[in-house]
Amino acid sequence: MPGPDVIIILATGIATVVMALVAIVQENLIRAVIAFAVSSVCLAILFFLLASPFAAVLELVVGGGLVAVLFLVALVLAGGEEEKVRA
């Protein structure tokens, strides 16, 4: 039976993949950016659990913070509303 460390690492890895897939398939851009930020935070937690604190902090700052805030600011400045494109 795997120890609690393995279970936590597997749960964090599954959460990372699920949130990344949600960010890809989400049609609402704000929800996609939030899912991307959560995926980035989960990846930082995974790095921390795998004894790589420098990579965890770097992923948390760049992925979870900087990129997500940049996307949200760009959406707000662009108008924030999406229009449906008819095919």
PDB file of N, CA and C in Angstrom:
ATOM      1  N   MET A   1       0.842  -1.170   0.000  1.00  0.00           N
ATOM      2  CA  MET A   1       0.000   0.000   0.000  1.00  0.00           C
ATOM      3  C   MET A   1       0.897   1.246   0.000  1.00  0.00           C
ATOM      4  N   PRO A   2       0.627   2.180  -0.917  1.00  0.00           N
ATOM      5  CA  PRO A   2       1.473   3.369  -0.976  1.00  0.00           C
ATOM      6  C   PRO A   2       1.272   4.257   0.250  1.00  0.00           C
ATOM      7  N   GLY A   3       2.357   4.956   0.580  1.00  0.00           N
ATOM      8  CA  GLY A   3       2.305   5.846   1.735  1.00  0.00           C
ATOM      9  C   GLY A   3       1.515   7.109   1.445  1.00  0.00           C
ATOM     10  N   PRO A   4       1.334   7.926   2.466  1.00  0.00           N
ATOM     11  CA  PRO A   4       0.568   9.164   2.279  1.00  0.00           C
ATOM     12  C   PRO A   4       1.263  10.151   1.343  1.00  0.00           C
ATOM     13  N   ASP A   5       2.588  10.095   1.266  1.00  0.00           N
ATOM     14  CA  ASP A   5       3.312  10.994   0.364  1.00  0.00           C
ATOM     15  C   ASP A   5       2.937  10.714  -1.091  1.00  0.00           C
ATOM     16  N   VAL A   6       2.901   9.447  -1.445  1.00  0.00           N
ATOM     17  CA  VAL A   6       2.585   9.065  -2.821  1.00  0.00           C
ATOM     18  C   VAL A   6       1.147   9.447  -3.169  1.00  0.00           C
ATOM     19  N   ILE A   7       0.239   9.276  -2.234  1.00  0.00           N
ATOM     20  CA  ILE A   7      -1.167   9.608  -2.481  1.00  0.00           C
ATOM     21  C   ILE A   7      -1.328  11.114  -2.687  1.00  0.00           C
ATOM     22  N   ILE A   8      -0.649  11.911  -1.867  1.00  0.00           N
ATOM     23  CA  ILE A   8      -0.743  13.368  -2.013  1.00  0.00           C
ATOM     24  C   ILE A   8      -0.139  13.816  -3.336  1.00  0.00           C
ATOM     25  N   ILE A   9       0.993  13.234  -3.728  1.00  0.00           N
ATOM     26  CA  ILE A   9       1.632  13.592  -5.000  1.00  0.00           C
ATOM     27  C   ILE A   9       0.736  13.203  -6.173  1.00  0.00           C
ATOM     28  N   LEU A  10       0.134  12.023  -6.119  1.00  0.00           N
ATOM     29  CA  LEU A  10      -0.770  11.602  -7.200  1.00  0.00           C
ATOM     30  C   LEU A  10      -2.012  12.490  -7.273  1.00  0.00           C
ATOM     31  N   ALA A  11      -2.576  12.842  -6.133  1.00  0.00           N
ATOM     32  CA  ALA A  11      -3.761  13.707  -6.128  1.00  0.00           C
ATOM     33  C   ALA A  11      -3.423  15.089  -6.683  1.00  0.00           C
ATOM     34  N   THR A  12      -2.271  15.620  -6.324  1.00  0.00           N
ATOM     35  CA  THR A  12      -1.857  16.924  -6.830  1.00  0.00           C
ATOM     36  C   THR A  12      -1.586  16.855  -8.331  1.00  0.00           C
ATOM     37  N   GLY A  13      -0.977  15.774  -8.788  1.00  0.00           N
ATOM     38  CA  GLY A  13      -0.727  15.612 -10.218  1.00  0.00           C
ATOM     39  C   GLY A  13      -2.011  15.500 -11.018  1.00  0.00           C
ATOM     40  N   ILE A  14      -2.969  14.755 -10.490  1.00  0.00           N
ATOM     41  CA  ILE A  14      -4.261  14.623 -11.179  1.00  0.00           C
ATOM     42  C   ILE A  14      -4.989  15.967 -11.208  1.00  0.00           C
ATOM     43  N   ALA A  15      -4.941  16.713 -10.099  1.00  0.00           N
ATOM     44  CA  ALA A  15      -5.580  18.031 -10.063  1.00  0.00           C
ATOM     45  C   ALA A  15      -4.934  18.984 -11.062  1.00  0.00           C
ATOM     46  N   THR A  16      -3.603  18.892 -11.211  1.00  0.00           N
ATOM     47  CA  THR A  16      -2.903  19.741 -12.174  1.00  0.00           C
ATOM     48  C   THR A  16      -3.366  19.447 -13.594  1.00  0.00           C
ATOM     49  N   VAL A  17      -3.429  18.174 -13.940  1.00  0.00           N
ATOM     50  CA  VAL A  17      -3.834  17.792 -15.300  1.00  0.00           C
ATOM     51  C   VAL A  17      -5.293  18.165 -15.560  1.00  0.00           C
ATOM     52  N   VAL A  18      -6.167  17.931 -14.586  1.00  0.00           N
ATOM     53  CA  VAL A  18      -7.582  18.244 -14.763  1.00  0.00           C
ATOM     54  C   VAL A  18      -7.787  19.741 -14.953  1.00  0.00           C
ATOM     55  N   MET A  19      -7.129  20.561 -14.145  1.00  0.00           N
ATOM     56  CA  MET A  19      -7.288  22.007 -14.280  1.00  0.00           C
ATOM     57  C   MET A  19      -6.683  22.524 -15.586  1.00  0.00           C
ATOM     58  N   ALA A  20      -5.606  21.906 -16.052  1.00  0.00           N
ATOM     59  CA  ALA A  20      -5.042  22.301 -17.348  1.00  0.00           C
ATOM     60  C   ALA A  20      -6.009  21.958 -18.476  1.00  0.00           C
ATOM     61  N   LEU A  21      -6.661  20.813 -18.389  1.00  0.00           N
ATOM     62  CA  LEU A  21      -7.652  20.443 -19.409  1.00  0.00           C
ATOM     63  C   LEU A  21      -8.869  21.369 -19.354  1.00  0.00           C
ATOM     64  N   VAL A  22      -9.281  21.753 -18.151  1.00  0.00           N
ATOM     65  CA  VAL A  22     -10.389  22.703 -18.018  1.00  0.00           C
ATOM     66  C   VAL A  22     -10.005  24.036 -18.655  1.00  0.00           C
ATOM     67  N   ALA A  23      -8.771  24.474 -18.450  1.00  0.00           N
ATOM     68  CA  ALA A  23      -8.308  25.733 -19.044  1.00  0.00           C
ATOM     69  C   ALA A  23      -8.302  25.657 -20.566  1.00  0.00           C
ATOM     70  N   ILE A  24      -8.046  24.487 -21.114  1.00  0.00           N
ATOM     71  CA  ILE A  24      -7.997  24.337 -22.572  1.00  0.00           C
ATOM     72  C   ILE A  24      -9.396  24.336 -23.178  1.00  0.00           C
ATOM     73  N   VAL A  25     -10.333  23.615 -22.566  1.00  0.00           N
ATOM     74  CA  VAL A  25     -11.647  23.441 -23.188  1.00  0.00           C
ATOM     75  C   VAL A  25     -12.673  24.495 -22.773  1.00  0.00           C
ATOM     76  N   GLN A  26     -12.347  25.322 -21.802  1.00  0.00           N
ATOM     77  CA  GLN A  26     -13.281  26.337 -21.322  1.00  0.00           C
ATOM     78  C   GLN A  26     -13.479  27.428 -22.372  1.00  0.00           C
ATOM     79  N   GLU A  27     -14.725  27.765 -22.660  1.00  0.00           N
ATOM     80  CA  GLU A  27     -15.014  28.805 -23.645  1.00  0.00           C
ATOM     81  C   GLU A  27     -15.004  30.197 -23.034  1.00  0.00           C
ATOM     82  N   ASN A  28     -15.305  30.305 -21.763  1.00  0.00           N
ATOM     83  CA  ASN A  28     -15.250  31.587 -21.072  1.00  0.00           C
ATOM     84  C   ASN A  28     -13.787  31.878 -20.728  1.00  0.00           C
ATOM     85  N   LEU A  29     -13.254  32.980 -21.231  1.00  0.00           N
ATOM     86  CA  LEU A  29     -11.822  33.250 -21.079  1.00  0.00           C
ATOM     87  C   LEU A  29     -11.423  33.521 -19.642  1.00  0.00           C
ATOM     88  N   ILE A  30     -12.265  34.172 -18.883  1.00  0.00           N
ATOM     89  CA  ILE A  30     -11.917  34.461 -17.488  1.00  0.00           C
ATOM     90  C   ILE A  30     -11.844  33.166 -16.682  1.00  0.00           C
ATOM     91  N   ARG A  31     -12.773  32.263 -16.915  1.00  0.00           N
ATOM     92  CA  ARG A  31     -12.720  30.963 -16.234  1.00  0.00           C
ATOM     93  C   ARG A  31     -11.509  30.153 -16.684  1.00  0.00           C
ATOM     94  N   ALA A  32     -11.131  30.272 -17.942  1.00  0.00           N
ATOM     95  CA  ALA A  32      -9.950  29.569 -18.434  1.00  0.00           C
ATOM     96  C   ALA A  32      -8.681  30.096 -17.777  1.00  0.00           C
ATOM     97  N   VAL A  33      -8.593  31.415 -17.598  1.00  0.00           N
ATOM     98  CA  VAL A  33      -7.422  31.997 -16.938  1.00  0.00           C
ATOM     99  C   VAL A  33      -7.360  31.571 -15.476  1.00  0.00           C
ATOM    100  N   ILE A  34      -8.504  31.526 -14.811  1.00  0.00           N
ATOM    101  CA  ILE A  34      -8.521  31.080 -13.417  1.00  0.00           C
ATOM    102  C   ILE A  34      -8.126  29.612 -13.312  1.00  0.00           C
ATOM    103  N   ALA A  35      -8.603  28.786 -14.233  1.00  0.00           N
ATOM    104  CA  ALA A  35      -8.213  27.368 -14.236  1.00  0.00           C
ATOM    105  C   ALA A  35      -6.720  27.219 -14.508  1.00  0.00           C
ATOM    106  N   PHE A  36      -6.180  28.075 -15.395  1.00  0.00           N
ATOM    107  CA  PHE A  36      -4.741  28.051 -15.658  1.00  0.00           C
ATOM    108  C   PHE A  36      -3.951  28.421 -14.407  1.00  0.00           C
ATOM    109  N   ALA A  37      -4.418  29.426 -13.677  1.00  0.00           N
ATOM    110  CA  ALA A  37      -3.726  29.841 -12.456  1.00  0.00           C
ATOM    111  C   ALA A  37      -3.770  28.739 -11.400  1.00  0.00           C
ATOM    112  N   VAL A  38      -4.921  28.076 -11.266  1.00  0.00           N
ATOM    113  CA  VAL A  38      -5.034  26.977 -10.300  1.00  0.00           C
ATOM    114  C   VAL A  38      -4.134  25.813 -10.706  1.00  0.00           C
ATOM    115  N   SER A  39      -4.060  25.542 -11.996  1.00  0.00           N
ATOM    116  CA  SER A  39      -3.168  24.494 -12.486  1.00  0.00           C
ATOM    117  C   SER A  39      -1.715  24.832 -12.178  1.00  0.00           C
ATOM    118  N   SER A  40      -1.368  26.084 -12.323  1.00  0.00           N
ATOM    119  CA  SER A  40      -0.008  26.515 -12.035  1.00  0.00           C
ATOM    120  C   SER A  40       0.310  26.397 -10.547  1.00  0.00           C
ATOM    121  N   VAL A  41      -0.647  26.743  -9.708  1.00  0.00           N
ATOM    122  CA  VAL A  41      -0.454  26.614  -8.263  1.00  0.00           C
ATOM    123  C   VAL A  41      -0.318  25.140  -7.875  1.00  0.00           C
ATOM    124  N   CYS A  42      -1.129  24.276  -8.470  1.00  0.00           N
ATOM    125  CA  CYS A  42      -1.015  22.832  -8.202  1.00  0.00           C
ATOM    126  C   CYS A  42       0.350  22.300  -8.636  1.00  0.00           C
ATOM    127  N   LEU A  43       0.846  22.791  -9.760  1.00  0.00           N
ATOM    128  CA  LEU A  43       2.168  22.374 -10.218  1.00  0.00           C
ATOM    129  C   LEU A  43       3.253  22.854  -9.265  1.00  0.00           C
ATOM    130  N   ALA A  44       3.103  24.048  -8.717  1.00  0.00           N
ATOM    131  CA  ALA A  44       4.058  24.545  -7.733  1.00  0.00           C
ATOM    132  C   ALA A  44       4.036  23.686  -6.471  1.00  0.00           C
ATOM    133  N   ILE A  45       2.848  23.274  -6.052  1.00  0.00           N
ATOM    134  CA  ILE A  45       2.741  22.387  -4.891  1.00  0.00           C
ATOM    135  C   ILE A  45       3.421  21.054  -5.185  1.00  0.00           C
ATOM    136  N   LEU A  46       3.241  20.567  -6.397  1.00  0.00           N
ATOM    137  CA  LEU A  46       3.877  19.309  -6.785  1.00  0.00           C
ATOM    138  C   LEU A  46       5.403  19.432  -6.764  1.00  0.00           C
ATOM    139  N   PHE A  47       5.936  20.538  -7.282  1.00  0.00           N
ATOM    140  CA  PHE A  47       7.382  20.767  -7.223  1.00  0.00           C
ATOM    141  C   PHE A  47       7.868  20.809  -5.780  1.00  0.00           C
ATOM    142  N   PHE A  48       7.114  21.469  -4.915  1.00  0.00           N
ATOM    143  CA  PHE A  48       7.500  21.562  -3.517  1.00  0.00           C
ATOM    144  C   PHE A  48       7.504  20.186  -2.851  1.00  0.00           C
ATOM    145  N   LEU A  49       6.496  19.373  -3.164  1.00  0.00           N
ATOM    146  CA  LEU A  49       6.437  18.021  -2.593  1.00  0.00           C
ATOM    147  C   LEU A  49       7.559  17.132  -3.106  1.00  0.00           C
ATOM    148  N   LEU A  50       8.060  17.421  -4.291  1.00  0.00           N
ATOM    149  CA  LEU A  50       9.159  16.637  -4.863  1.00  0.00           C
ATOM    150  C   LEU A  50      10.521  17.223  -4.523  1.00  0.00           C
ATOM    151  N   ALA A  51      10.570  18.061  -3.476  1.00  0.00           N
ATOM    152  CA  ALA A  51      11.805  18.618  -2.916  1.00  0.00           C
ATOM    153  C   ALA A  51      12.552  19.515  -3.893  1.00  0.00           C
ATOM    154  N   SER A  52      11.805  20.351  -4.598  1.00  0.00           N
ATOM    155  CA  SER A  52      12.410  21.334  -5.484  1.00  0.00           C
ATOM    156  C   SER A  52      11.788  22.706  -5.206  1.00  0.00           C
ATOM    157  N   PRO A  53      12.192  23.324  -4.090  1.00  0.00           N
ATOM    158  CA  PRO A  53      11.533  24.570  -3.690  1.00  0.00           C
ATOM    159  C   PRO A  53      11.803  25.742  -4.630  1.00  0.00           C
ATOM    160  N   PHE A  54      12.975  25.783  -5.272  1.00  0.00           N
ATOM    161  CA  PHE A  54      13.262  26.875  -6.194  1.00  0.00           C
ATOM    162  C   PHE A  54      12.326  26.824  -7.392  1.00  0.00           C
ATOM    163  N   ALA A  55      12.144  25.647  -7.962  1.00  0.00           N
ATOM    164  CA  ALA A  55      11.218  25.501  -9.084  1.00  0.00           C
ATOM    165  C   ALA A  55       9.783  25.790  -8.650  1.00  0.00           C
ATOM    166  N   ALA A  56       9.431  25.434  -7.413  1.00  0.00           N
ATOM    167  CA  ALA A  56       8.082  25.692  -6.916  1.00  0.00           C
ATOM    168  C   ALA A  56       7.820  27.186  -6.803  1.00  0.00           C
ATOM    169  N   VAL A  57       8.757  27.925  -6.243  1.00  0.00           N
ATOM    170  CA  VAL A  57       8.581  29.374  -6.099  1.00  0.00           C
ATOM    171  C   VAL A  57       8.565  30.041  -7.466  1.00  0.00           C
ATOM    172  N   LEU A  58       9.427  29.602  -8.359  1.00  0.00           N
ATOM    173  CA  LEU A  58       9.465  30.176  -9.700  1.00  0.00           C
ATOM    174  C   LEU A  58       8.149  29.933 -10.438  1.00  0.00           C
ATOM    175  N   GLU A  59       7.621  28.727 -10.358  1.00  0.00           N
ATOM    176  CA  GLU A  59       6.340  28.416 -11.008  1.00  0.00           C
ATOM    177  C   GLU A  59       5.199  29.194 -10.374  1.00  0.00           C
ATOM    178  N   LEU A  60       5.230  29.334  -9.073  1.00  0.00           N
ATOM    179  CA  LEU A  60       4.175  30.067  -8.376  1.00  0.00           C
ATOM    180  C   LEU A  60       4.178  31.537  -8.766  1.00  0.00           C
ATOM    181  N   VAL A  61       5.356  32.134  -8.834  1.00  0.00           N
ATOM    182  CA  VAL A  61       5.441  33.565  -9.161  1.00  0.00           C
ATOM    183  C   VAL A  61       5.130  33.805 -10.630  1.00  0.00           C
ATOM    184  N   VAL A  62       5.758  33.050 -11.515  1.00  0.00           N
ATOM    185  CA  VAL A  62       5.602  33.298 -12.946  1.00  0.00           C
ATOM    186  C   VAL A  62       4.274  32.750 -13.464  1.00  0.00           C
ATOM    187  N   GLY A  63       3.981  31.501 -13.202  1.00  0.00           N
ATOM    188  CA  GLY A  63       2.783  30.884 -13.752  1.00  0.00           C
ATOM    189  C   GLY A  63       1.523  31.309 -13.050  1.00  0.00           C
ATOM    190  N   GLY A  64       1.493  31.164 -11.746  1.00  0.00           N
ATOM    191  CA  GLY A  64       0.281  31.454 -11.005  1.00  0.00           C
ATOM    192  C   GLY A  64      -0.002  32.924 -10.860  1.00  0.00           C
ATOM    193  N   GLY A  65       1.015  33.728 -10.739  1.00  0.00           N
ATOM    194  CA  GLY A  65       0.810  35.144 -10.509  1.00  0.00           C
ATOM    195  C   GLY A  65       0.906  36.001 -11.740  1.00  0.00           C
ATOM    196  N   LEU A  66       2.077  36.069 -12.295  1.00  0.00           N
ATOM    197  CA  LEU A  66       2.357  37.038 -13.355  1.00  0.00           C
ATOM    198  C   LEU A  66       1.529  36.796 -14.612  1.00  0.00           C
ATOM    199  N   VAL A  67       1.523  35.578 -15.113  1.00  0.00           N
ATOM    200  CA  VAL A  67       0.827  35.289 -16.363  1.00  0.00           C
ATOM    201  C   VAL A  67      -0.684  35.401 -16.187  1.00  0.00           C
ATOM    202  N   ALA A  68      -1.222  34.868 -15.080  1.00  0.00           N
ATOM    203  CA  ALA A  68      -2.662  34.935 -14.861  1.00  0.00           C
ATOM    204  C   ALA A  68      -3.132  36.384 -14.708  1.00  0.00           C
ATOM    205  N   VAL A  69      -2.397  37.195 -13.967  1.00  0.00           N
ATOM    206  CA  VAL A  69      -2.774  38.597 -13.803  1.00  0.00           C
ATOM    207  C   VAL A  69      -2.650  39.331 -15.129  1.00  0.00           C
ATOM    208  N   LEU A  70      -1.622  39.022 -15.896  1.00  0.00           N
ATOM    209  CA  LEU A  70      -1.463  39.650 -17.210  1.00  0.00           C
ATOM    210  C   LEU A  70      -2.633  39.321 -18.126  1.00  0.00           C
ATOM    211  N   PHE A  71      -3.060  38.061 -18.145  1.00  0.00           N
ATOM    212  CA  PHE A  71      -4.217  37.669 -18.951  1.00  0.00           C
ATOM    213  C   PHE A  71      -5.479  38.391 -18.493  1.00  0.00           C
ATOM    214  N   LEU A  72      -5.704  38.458 -17.188  1.00  0.00           N
ATOM    215  CA  LEU A  72      -6.908  39.110 -16.683  1.00  0.00           C
ATOM    216  C   LEU A  72      -6.916  40.602 -16.997  1.00  0.00           C
ATOM    217  N   VAL A  73      -5.769  41.267 -16.856  1.00  0.00           N
ATOM    218  CA  VAL A  73      -5.690  42.689 -17.190  1.00  0.00           C
ATOM    219  C   VAL A  73      -5.937  42.897 -18.677  1.00  0.00           C
ATOM    220  N   ALA A  74      -5.384  42.036 -19.514  1.00  0.00           N
ATOM    221  CA  ALA A  74      -5.609  42.155 -20.951  1.00  0.00           C
ATOM    222  C   ALA A  74      -7.079  41.965 -21.301  1.00  0.00           C
ATOM    223  N   LEU A  75      -7.753  41.028 -20.632  1.00  0.00           N
ATOM    224  CA  LEU A  75      -9.180  40.824 -20.878  1.00  0.00           C
ATOM    225  C   LEU A  75     -10.006  42.021 -20.445  1.00  0.00           C
ATOM    226  N   VAL A  76      -9.663  42.597 -19.312  1.00  0.00           N
ATOM    227  CA  VAL A  76     -10.406  43.758 -18.828  1.00  0.00           C
ATOM    228  C   VAL A  76     -10.183  44.951 -19.758  1.00  0.00           C
ATOM    229  N   LEU A  77      -8.949  45.168 -20.188  1.00  0.00           N
ATOM    230  CA  LEU A  77      -8.667  46.294 -21.071  1.00  0.00           C
ATOM    231  C   LEU A  77      -9.262  46.100 -22.470  1.00  0.00           C
ATOM    232  N   ALA A  78      -9.417  44.856 -22.886  1.00  0.00           N
ATOM    233  CA  ALA A  78      -9.981  44.579 -24.207  1.00  0.00           C
ATOM    234  C   ALA A  78     -11.503  44.655 -24.214  1.00  0.00           C
ATOM    235  N   GLY A  79     -12.092  44.847 -23.084  1.00  0.00           N
ATOM    236  CA  GLY A  79     -13.544  44.972 -23.032  1.00  0.00           C
ATOM    237  C   GLY A  79     -14.186  43.925 -22.148  1.00  0.00           C
ATOM    238  N   GLY A  80     -13.547  42.789 -22.009  1.00  0.00           N
ATOM    239  CA  GLY A  80     -14.048  41.758 -21.110  1.00  0.00           C
ATOM    240  C   GLY A  80     -15.212  40.951 -21.615  1.00  0.00           C
ATOM    241  N   GLU A  81     -15.920  41.428 -22.600  1.00  0.00           N
ATOM    242  CA  GLU A  81     -17.065  40.703 -23.116  1.00  0.00           C
ATOM    243  C   GLU A  81     -16.653  39.936 -24.369  1.00  0.00           C
ATOM    244  N   GLU A  82     -17.165  38.732 -24.470  1.00  0.00           N
ATOM    245  CA  GLU A  82     -16.896  37.917 -25.641  1.00  0.00           C
ATOM    246  C   GLU A  82     -18.102  37.963 -26.572  1.00  0.00           C
ATOM    247  N   GLU A  83     -17.839  37.864 -27.826  1.00  0.00           N
ATOM    248  CA  GLU A  83     -18.921  37.743 -28.790  1.00  0.00           C
ATOM    249  C   GLU A  83     -18.862  36.367 -29.404  1.00  0.00           C
ATOM    250  N   LYS A  84     -20.032  35.784 -29.604  1.00  0.00           N
ATOM    251  CA  LYS A  84     -20.086  34.469 -30.246  1.00  0.00           C
ATOM    252  C   LYS A  84     -19.805  34.645 -31.727  1.00  0.00           C
ATOM    253  N   VAL A  85     -18.911  33.829 -32.238  1.00  0.00           N
ATOM    254  CA  VAL A  85     -18.584  33.872 -33.669  1.00  0.00           C
ATOM    255  C   VAL A  85     -19.422  32.809 -34.358  1.00  0.00           C
ATOM    256  N   ARG A  86     -20.144  33.219 -35.354  1.00  0.00           N
ATOM    257  CA  ARG A  86     -20.986  32.265 -36.082  1.00  0.00           C
ATOM    258  C   ARG A  86     -20.186  31.664 -37.217  1.00  0.00           C
ATOM    259  N   ALA A  87     -20.247  30.361 -37.300  1.00  0.00           N
ATOM    260  CA  ALA A  87     -19.475  29.669 -38.342  1.00  0.00           C
ATOM    261  C   ALA A  87     -20.194  29.661 -39.664  1.00  0.00           C
TER     262      ALA A  87
END
